[in-house]
Amino acid sequence: MTDETPAKRGPGKPLGSIKADARRVAIKLRWKESEIAAVKAAAEAAGEDLSHYIRQAALDRAAALK
């Protein structure tokens, strides 16, 4: 390979390594708008990342269903 052409690294990132948008995760979990708003308000009140709160709420819900 020459210096002008970069080496190919495959088709791209594996799907598992792409960080999903928090809203898309919530929609995939079939959350209602009121649930999304409640989690968003909690994240803003704590000054934390919304994605973290979405994931944590999803884990809590999954644990409650078991």
Protein backbone atom coordinates (compact mmCIF):
# COMPACT_ATOMS: atom_id res chain seq x y z
CA MET A 1 0.00 0.00 0.00
CA THR A 2 1.18 3.48 -0.72
CA ASP A 3 0.98 6.43 1.60
CA GLU A 4 -1.94 7.94 -0.34
CA THR A 5 -4.30 4.98 0.01
CA PRO A 6 -5.32 3.97 3.53
CA ALA A 7 -5.60 0.30 4.40
CA LYS A 8 -9.08 -1.19 4.42
CA ARG A 9 -10.34 -2.18 7.82
CA GLY A 10 -13.49 -4.08 6.91
CA PRO A 11 -17.07 -2.99 6.36
CA GLY A 12 -17.19 -0.70 9.39
CA LYS A 13 -17.87 -0.85 13.07
CA PRO A 14 -19.69 -3.87 14.43
CA LEU A 15 -23.28 -3.05 15.35
CA GLY A 16 -22.64 -3.72 19.03
CA SER A 17 -19.99 -1.03 19.22
CA ILE A 18 -22.21 1.78 17.95
CA LYS A 19 -23.66 3.71 20.89
CA ALA A 20 -27.37 4.04 20.34
CA ASP A 21 -29.18 7.32 20.70
CA ALA A 22 -31.06 7.39 24.01
CA ARG A 23 -34.36 8.30 22.37
CA ARG A 24 -34.07 5.41 19.90
CA VAL A 25 -33.44 3.01 22.78
CA ALA A 26 -36.52 4.32 24.57
CA ILE A 27 -38.63 3.95 21.44
CA LYS A 28 -37.40 0.39 20.90
CA LEU A 29 -38.42 -0.36 24.48
CA ARG A 30 -41.89 0.95 23.55
CA TRP A 31 -41.86 3.62 26.22
CA LYS A 32 -44.60 6.22 26.19
CA GLU A 33 -43.77 9.90 25.83
CA SER A 34 -44.62 10.44 29.51
CA GLU A 35 -42.06 7.79 30.55
CA ILE A 36 -39.38 9.34 28.34
CA ALA A 37 -40.15 12.78 29.78
CA ALA A 38 -39.92 11.46 33.36
CA VAL A 39 -36.51 9.86 32.75
CA LYS A 40 -35.30 12.99 30.95
CA ALA A 41 -36.38 15.17 33.88
CA ALA A 42 -34.61 12.88 36.35
CA ALA A 43 -31.41 13.00 34.29
CA GLU A 44 -31.50 16.79 34.05
CA ALA A 45 -32.16 17.13 37.79
CA ALA A 46 -29.15 14.95 38.58
CA GLY A 47 -26.98 16.60 35.93
CA GLU A 48 -26.18 13.23 34.39
CA ASP A 49 -26.14 11.85 30.86
CA LEU A 50 -29.59 10.95 29.50
CA SER A 51 -28.27 7.77 27.87
CA HIS A 52 -27.14 6.46 31.25
CA TYR A 53 -30.56 7.05 32.77
CA ILE A 54 -32.35 5.40 29.83
CA ARG A 55 -30.15 2.30 30.14
CA GLN A 56 -30.51 2.16 33.92
CA ALA A 57 -34.29 2.52 33.75
CA ALA A 58 -34.41 -0.24 31.13
CA LEU A 59 -32.36 -2.54 33.37
CA ASP A 60 -34.59 -1.73 36.35
CA ARG A 61 -37.71 -2.50 34.32
CA ALA A 62 -36.27 -5.79 33.06
CA ALA A 63 -35.36 -6.80 36.63
CA ALA A 64 -38.88 -5.97 37.82
CA LEU A 65 -40.41 -8.20 35.13
CA LYS A 66 -38.41 -11.25 36.21
